[in-house]
């Protein structure tokens, strides 16, 4: 009896794996709501506060950003999609290790900044120099780091500030400001942590609104006059080109078109070129009046005068 009861109890046990469902984990809107992972749960409430990590290379297909790791936390669930929010990022340890060498100074610090939409974020910059520097120089570099980070955070929302950090623009701004005091080798933001999410809702502009408006070129008076002349010419051409009636079409078909005469060229053209034949090839036909004059002038064959014989000289006779 005991064995039968244990078998019946085993049959009644439900398979918990079959009761679970798969959910797509989506990145925030600032990262184009891309799917970053898939997770499983039997109850959607259990998905809250789950943290997922992904490299920037997997998110953007850019190999140059493979050393950046992003962290997202699930905040909202809709159907089979789990929406997340950004909570921080880090750089890989091997990437940071390559930046530090012997006989160089390493400068790192931790600062908290507040963004325009009320979010609080902790920023950890990291700088290296070509040579060892004094503590007074390090102090000045840390102060300039703090000023630039706080000023940039006040002018941006959290999503804008995060993109600004990941793209490396904040590090380049700090580099330019610190270069005045000492030639820093490189500056990176190696870690960020979001302490408080935004409390003020600010509508971010769409990508179309972000594009700067093209400046309109001022139209000159000459351009306006040209446009007026062109419009007048178009109107006159439209008036002239009215549709012909049936009678006009018949008359135009009956009237033969005269061949166009070739335009006379300014350069003198030789007579031989105009005719296309030389005088030797085609002799001119004599006119009847000229023939009569020639007949009168030419003597008859009988009346031809014989040439006078020269008198023989006396010497020959002798």
Protein backbone atom coordinates (compact mmCIF):
# COMPACT_ATOMS: atom_id res chain seq x y z
CA UNK A 1 0.00 0.00 0.00
CA UNK A 2 2.80 2.43 0.83
CA UNK A 3 4.44 1.86 -2.54
CA UNK A 4 1.20 2.53 -4.38
CA UNK A 5 0.68 5.78 -2.50
CA UNK A 6 4.21 7.00 -3.30
CA UNK A 7 3.66 6.24 -6.97
CA UNK A 8 0.40 8.17 -7.01
CA UNK A 9 2.07 11.15 -5.32
CA UNK A 10 4.87 11.11 -7.90
CA UNK A 11 2.34 11.25 -10.71
CA UNK A 12 0.62 14.27 -9.18
CA UNK A 13 3.89 16.32 -9.09
CA UNK A 14 3.78 18.95 -11.86
CA UNK A 15 6.69 19.69 -14.13
CA UNK A 16 7.65 23.27 -13.19
CA UNK A 17 9.77 23.76 -16.31
CA UNK A 18 6.70 23.45 -18.53
CA UNK A 19 4.98 26.22 -16.60
CA UNK A 20 7.76 28.72 -17.40
CA UNK A 21 7.72 31.17 -20.32
CA UNK A 22 10.45 32.94 -22.30
CA UNK A 23 10.69 36.75 -22.27
CA UNK A 24 12.67 39.11 -24.53
CA UNK A 25 14.85 41.62 -22.69
CA UNK A 26 14.81 44.99 -24.48
CA UNK A 27 17.30 47.85 -24.14
CA UNK A 28 16.07 51.39 -23.35
CA UNK A 29 14.84 53.77 -26.05
CA UNK A 30 18.24 55.51 -26.13
CA UNK A 31 19.67 52.23 -27.48
CA UNK A 32 16.85 51.78 -30.05
CA UNK A 33 14.96 49.16 -27.95
CA UNK A 34 17.24 46.41 -29.22
CA UNK A 35 16.86 42.86 -27.87
CA UNK A 36 19.86 42.21 -25.62
CA UNK A 37 18.93 38.85 -24.06
CA UNK A 38 16.24 36.27 -23.35
CA UNK A 39 15.18 35.11 -19.90
CA UNK A 40 12.75 32.56 -18.50
CA UNK A 41 10.30 32.71 -15.58
CA UNK A 42 7.08 31.07 -14.44
CA UNK A 43 5.79 34.38 -13.08
CA UNK A 44 6.46 37.79 -14.77
CA UNK A 45 6.75 39.47 -11.36
CA UNK A 46 9.94 37.51 -10.74
CA UNK A 47 11.61 39.28 -13.69
CA UNK A 48 11.76 42.63 -11.88
CA UNK A 49 15.26 43.84 -10.88
CA UNK A 50 17.02 41.20 -12.95
CA UNK A 51 20.35 42.54 -14.27
CA UNK A 52 21.80 41.69 -17.69
CA UNK A 53 25.24 42.61 -19.05
CA UNK A 54 26.16 43.00 -22.70
CA UNK A 55 29.20 44.33 -24.54
CA UNK A 56 28.94 47.34 -26.78
CA UNK A 57 30.21 45.24 -29.67
CA UNK A 58 27.20 42.91 -29.47
CA UNK A 59 24.83 45.87 -29.27
CA UNK A 60 26.25 47.99 -32.11
CA UNK A 61 28.35 45.49 -34.13
CA UNK A 62 31.39 47.75 -33.66
CA UNK A 63 34.57 45.81 -32.86
CA UNK A 64 36.37 48.94 -31.63
CA UNK A 65 34.02 49.09 -28.61
CA UNK A 66 34.39 45.51 -27.46
CA UNK A 67 36.07 46.66 -24.20
CA UNK A 68 32.88 48.42 -22.98
CA UNK A 69 30.35 46.44 -20.90
CA UNK A 70 26.86 47.82 -20.29
CA UNK A 71 24.53 46.85 -17.44
CA UNK A 72 20.71 46.98 -17.65
CA UNK A 73 18.06 46.23 -15.05
CA UNK A 74 14.49 45.07 -15.79
CA UNK A 75 11.98 47.74 -14.77
CA UNK A 76 8.74 47.02 -16.67
CA UNK A 77 7.04 44.02 -18.31
CA UNK A 78 4.66 44.18 -21.27
CA UNK A 79 3.35 40.90 -22.71
CA UNK A 80 6.48 38.84 -23.47
CA UNK A 81 8.85 41.83 -23.45
CA UNK A 82 10.85 42.96 -20.42
CA UNK A 83 11.91 46.61 -20.67
CA UNK A 84 15.11 47.69 -18.95
CA UNK A 85 16.89 50.83 -17.76
CA UNK A 86 20.59 51.70 -17.80
CA UNK A 87 22.35 51.30 -14.44
CA UNK A 88 26.04 51.63 -15.37
CA UNK A 89 28.98 50.56 -17.47
CA UNK A 90 32.58 49.36 -16.94
CA UNK A 91 35.73 48.89 -19.00
CA UNK A 92 37.45 45.51 -19.13
CA UNK A 93 40.44 45.02 -16.81
CA UNK A 94 42.84 44.03 -19.60
CA UNK A 95 42.08 47.29 -21.43
CA UNK A 96 42.93 49.34 -18.31
CA UNK A 97 46.04 47.27 -17.61
CA UNK A 98 47.49 48.13 -21.00
CA UNK A 99 47.27 51.86 -20.26
CA UNK A 100 49.46 51.70 -17.13
CA UNK A 101 53.24 51.32 -17.51
CA UNK A 102 56.34 51.93 -15.43
CA UNK A 103 57.55 55.46 -14.75
CA UNK A 104 54.09 56.86 -15.43
CA UNK A 105 51.55 58.47 -13.15
CA UNK A 106 48.02 57.17 -12.75
CA UNK A 107 45.27 59.61 -11.76
CA UNK A 108 41.79 58.34 -10.86
CA UNK A 109 38.90 59.91 -8.98
CA UNK A 110 35.19 59.52 -8.15
CA UNK A 111 32.61 62.27 -8.71
CA UNK A 112 28.84 62.53 -8.47
CA UNK A 113 26.87 64.65 -10.91
CA UNK A 114 23.22 65.57 -11.42
CA UNK A 115 21.67 65.66 -14.87
CA UNK A 116 19.05 68.01 -16.27
CA UNK A 117 16.20 65.52 -15.73
CA UNK A 118 17.01 64.99 -12.03
CA UNK A 119 19.06 61.78 -12.28
CA UNK A 120 22.17 61.24 -10.15
CA UNK A 121 25.14 59.42 -11.62
CA UNK A 122 28.55 58.48 -10.22
CA UNK A 123 31.42 58.95 -12.69
CA UNK A 124 34.92 57.47 -12.27
CA UNK A 125 37.52 58.96 -14.64
CA UNK A 126 40.98 57.54 -15.19
CA UNK A 127 44.06 59.36 -16.59
CA UNK A 128 47.68 58.48 -17.36
CA UNK A 129 50.74 60.60 -18.11
CA UNK A 130 53.98 59.99 -20.01
CA UNK A 131 56.12 60.67 -16.94
CA UNK A 132 55.73 60.87 -13.21
CA UNK A 133 54.22 64.13 -12.01
CA UNK A 134 53.97 65.90 -8.67
CA UNK A 135 50.97 65.72 -6.33
CA UNK A 136 50.20 69.41 -6.91
CA UNK A 137 49.81 68.72 -10.64
CA UNK A 138 47.57 65.74 -9.90
CA UNK A 139 45.39 67.94 -7.72
CA UNK A 140 44.89 70.50 -10.51
CA UNK A 141 44.02 67.74 -12.99
CA UNK A 142 41.42 66.29 -10.59
CA UNK A 143 39.79 69.72 -10.14
CA UNK A 144 39.52 70.24 -13.90
CA UNK A 145 38.01 66.76 -14.26
CA UNK A 146 35.33 67.58 -11.72
CA UNK A 147 34.44 70.93 -13.32
CA UNK A 148 33.98 69.49 -16.80
CA UNK A 149 31.96 66.46 -15.60
CA UNK A 150 29.55 68.54 -13.49
CA UNK A 151 29.07 71.23 -16.16
CA UNK A 152 28.38 68.69 -18.94
CA UNK A 153 25.94 66.68 -16.78
CA UNK A 154 23.84 69.76 -15.94
CA UNK A 155 23.26 70.54 -19.62
CA UNK A 156 22.11 67.01 -20.62
CA UNK A 157 19.58 64.35 -19.75
CA UNK A 158 20.68 60.96 -18.43
CA UNK A 159 20.37 59.19 -21.80
CA UNK A 160 22.29 61.97 -23.57
CA UNK A 161 25.01 62.00 -20.90
CA UNK A 162 25.43 58.21 -21.07
CA UNK A 163 25.84 58.32 -24.86
CA UNK A 164 28.28 61.21 -24.44
CA UNK A 165 30.41 59.06 -22.11
CA UNK A 166 30.28 55.85 -24.17
CA UNK A 167 31.21 57.63 -27.41
CA UNK A 168 34.33 59.01 -25.69
CA UNK A 169 33.41 62.67 -26.05
CA UNK A 170 33.55 63.39 -22.30
CA UNK A 171 37.06 61.95 -22.08
CA UNK A 172 38.22 64.11 -25.01
CA UNK A 173 36.75 67.24 -23.37
CA UNK A 174 38.57 66.50 -20.10
CA UNK A 175 41.77 65.84 -22.06
CA UNK A 176 41.58 69.27 -23.75
CA UNK A 177 41.00 71.08 -20.46
CA UNK A 178 43.78 69.21 -18.58
CA UNK A 179 46.29 69.67 -21.38
CA UNK A 180 46.80 73.30 -20.32
CA UNK A 181 48.45 72.24 -17.04
CA UNK A 182 50.26 69.07 -18.11
CA UNK A 183 50.35 66.98 -21.33
CA UNK A 184 48.15 64.06 -20.26
CA UNK A 185 48.60 60.86 -22.26
CA UNK A 186 45.04 59.54 -22.15
CA UNK A 187 41.78 59.93 -20.22
CA UNK A 188 38.98 57.35 -20.01
CA UNK A 189 35.74 57.05 -17.99
CA UNK A 190 36.34 53.52 -16.75
CA UNK A 191 33.11 53.18 -14.69
CA UNK A 192 29.69 54.78 -14.14
CA UNK A 193 26.88 53.98 -11.70
CA UNK A 194 23.35 55.40 -11.80
CA UNK A 195 22.40 56.23 -8.20
CA UNK A 196 18.96 57.69 -8.95
CA UNK A 197 16.83 57.38 -12.05
CA UNK A 198 15.35 60.53 -13.69
CA UNK A 199 12.54 62.22 -11.76
CA UNK A 200 11.63 64.92 -14.30
CA UNK A 201 10.07 63.95 -17.62
CA UNK A 202 11.67 65.81 -20.52
CA UNK A 203 10.56 65.08 -24.06
CA UNK A 204 13.66 64.31 -26.09
CA UNK A 205 13.67 65.64 -29.68
CA UNK A 206 13.22 63.15 -32.50
CA UNK A 207 16.12 62.54 -34.90
CA UNK A 208 14.37 64.72 -37.52
CA UNK A 209 14.11 67.64 -35.09
CA UNK A 210 17.77 67.26 -34.09
CA UNK A 211 18.89 68.02 -37.64
CA UNK A 212 19.85 71.69 -37.99
CA UNK A 213 17.60 73.70 -40.27
CA UNK A 214 19.23 74.70 -43.54
CA UNK A 215 19.75 78.47 -43.81
CA UNK A 216 17.60 80.06 -46.47
CA UNK A 217 19.58 81.97 -49.09
CA UNK A 218 18.40 85.59 -49.51
CA UNK A 219 17.01 86.14 -52.98
CA UNK A 220 18.55 89.15 -54.75
CA UNK A 221 16.60 91.72 -56.76
CA UNK A 222 18.20 90.49 -59.97
CA UNK A 223 16.97 86.97 -59.30
CA UNK A 224 13.41 88.29 -58.75
CA UNK A 225 13.53 90.22 -62.06
CA UNK A 226 14.73 87.11 -63.90
CA UNK A 227 11.90 85.04 -62.46
CA UNK A 228 9.35 87.69 -63.52
CA UNK A 229 10.77 87.74 -67.07
CA UNK A 230 10.65 83.96 -67.32
CA UNK A 231 7.02 83.89 -66.16
CA UNK A 232 6.07 86.53 -68.76
CA UNK A 233 7.81 84.54 -71.52
CA UNK A 234 6.00 81.38 -70.47
CA UNK A 235 2.66 83.18 -70.56
CA UNK A 236 3.31 84.54 -74.08
CA UNK A 237 4.41 81.12 -75.33
CA UNK A 238 1.21 79.58 -73.95
CA UNK A 239 -0.90 82.22 -75.71
CA UNK A 240 0.90 81.72 -79.04
CA UNK A 241 0.68 77.94 -78.90
CA UNK A 242 -3.13 77.74 -79.07
CA UNK A 243 -4.71 74.60 -80.51
CA UNK A 244 -5.35 74.86 -84.25
CA UNK A 245 -8.83 74.44 -85.68
CA UNK A 246 -9.69 71.82 -88.29
CA UNK A 247 -9.73 74.42 -91.15
CA UNK A 248 -6.28 75.72 -90.23
CA UNK A 249 -4.93 72.18 -90.15
CA UNK A 250 -6.31 71.48 -93.69
CA UNK A 251 -4.79 74.68 -95.10
CA UNK A 252 -1.46 73.92 -93.52
CA UNK A 253 -1.48 70.44 -95.09
CA UNK A 254 -2.39 71.77 -98.59
CA UNK A 255 0.27 74.50 -98.68
CA UNK A 256 3.57 72.92 -99.74
CA UNK A 257 6.50 73.89 -97.71
CA UNK A 258 9.26 75.66 -99.64
CA UNK A 259 12.75 74.24 -99.26
CA UNK A 260 14.94 76.33 -97.12
CA UNK A 261 17.73 78.12 -98.93
CA UNK A 262 21.20 77.51 -97.59
CA UNK A 263 22.63 80.38 -95.68
CA UNK A 264 25.27 82.38 -97.51
CA UNK A 265 28.61 82.13 -95.85
CA UNK A 266 30.61 85.26 -95.27
CA UNK A 267 33.82 83.75 -96.69
CA UNK A 268 34.18 83.97 -100.49
CA UNK A 269 33.77 80.62 -102.19
CA UNK A 270 35.51 79.79 -105.45
CA UNK A 271 33.39 79.31 -108.59
CA UNK A 272 34.78 75.84 -109.09
CA UNK A 273 33.59 74.83 -105.64
CA UNK A 274 30.05 76.16 -106.30
CA UNK A 275 29.59 74.37 -109.63
CA UNK A 276 31.54 71.33 -108.55
CA UNK A 277 33.03 71.01 -112.10
CA UNK A 278 36.05 72.67 -113.75
CA UNK A 279 35.98 74.61 -117.05
CA UNK A 280 38.08 71.95 -118.77
CA UNK A 281 35.62 69.19 -118.07
CA UNK A 282 32.51 71.09 -119.33
CA UNK A 283 33.27 73.65 -122.12
CA UNK A 284 30.92 76.56 -122.41
CA UNK A 285 28.47 76.40 -125.33
CA UNK A 286 29.05 79.30 -127.76
CA UNK A 287 26.21 81.69 -128.26
CA UNK A 288 24.65 82.10 -131.80
CA UNK A 289 25.84 85.72 -132.18
CA UNK A 290 29.43 84.77 -131.43
CA UNK A 291 29.23 81.92 -133.98
CA UNK A 292 28.17 84.33 -136.77
CA UNK A 293 31.06 86.70 -136.04
CA UNK A 294 33.53 83.83 -136.16
CA UNK A 295 32.17 82.66 -139.53
CA UNK A 296 32.58 86.13 -141.06
CA UNK A 297 36.14 86.51 -139.79
CA UNK A 298 37.37 83.09 -140.93
CA UNK A 299 38.27 83.07 -144.71
CA UNK A 300 37.04 80.41 -147.10
CA UNK A 301 39.39 77.60 -147.90
CA UNK A 302 39.73 78.70 -151.56
CA UNK A 303 40.58 82.27 -150.72
CA UNK A 304 43.43 81.35 -148.52
CA UNK A 305 46.45 83.47 -149.31
CA UNK A 306 49.49 81.52 -150.21
CA UNK A 307 52.65 82.64 -148.53
CA UNK A 308 54.87 84.78 -150.76
CA UNK A 309 58.03 83.13 -151.93
CA UNK A 310 61.16 84.94 -151.00
CA UNK A 311 63.23 86.09 -153.98
CA UNK A 312 66.28 84.04 -154.46
CA UNK A 313 69.39 85.92 -153.89
CA UNK A 314 71.76 86.68 -156.76
CA UNK A 315 74.46 84.66 -155.21
CA UNK A 316 72.42 81.47 -155.48
CA UNK A 317 71.60 82.13 -159.14
CA UNK A 318 75.20 82.51 -160.04
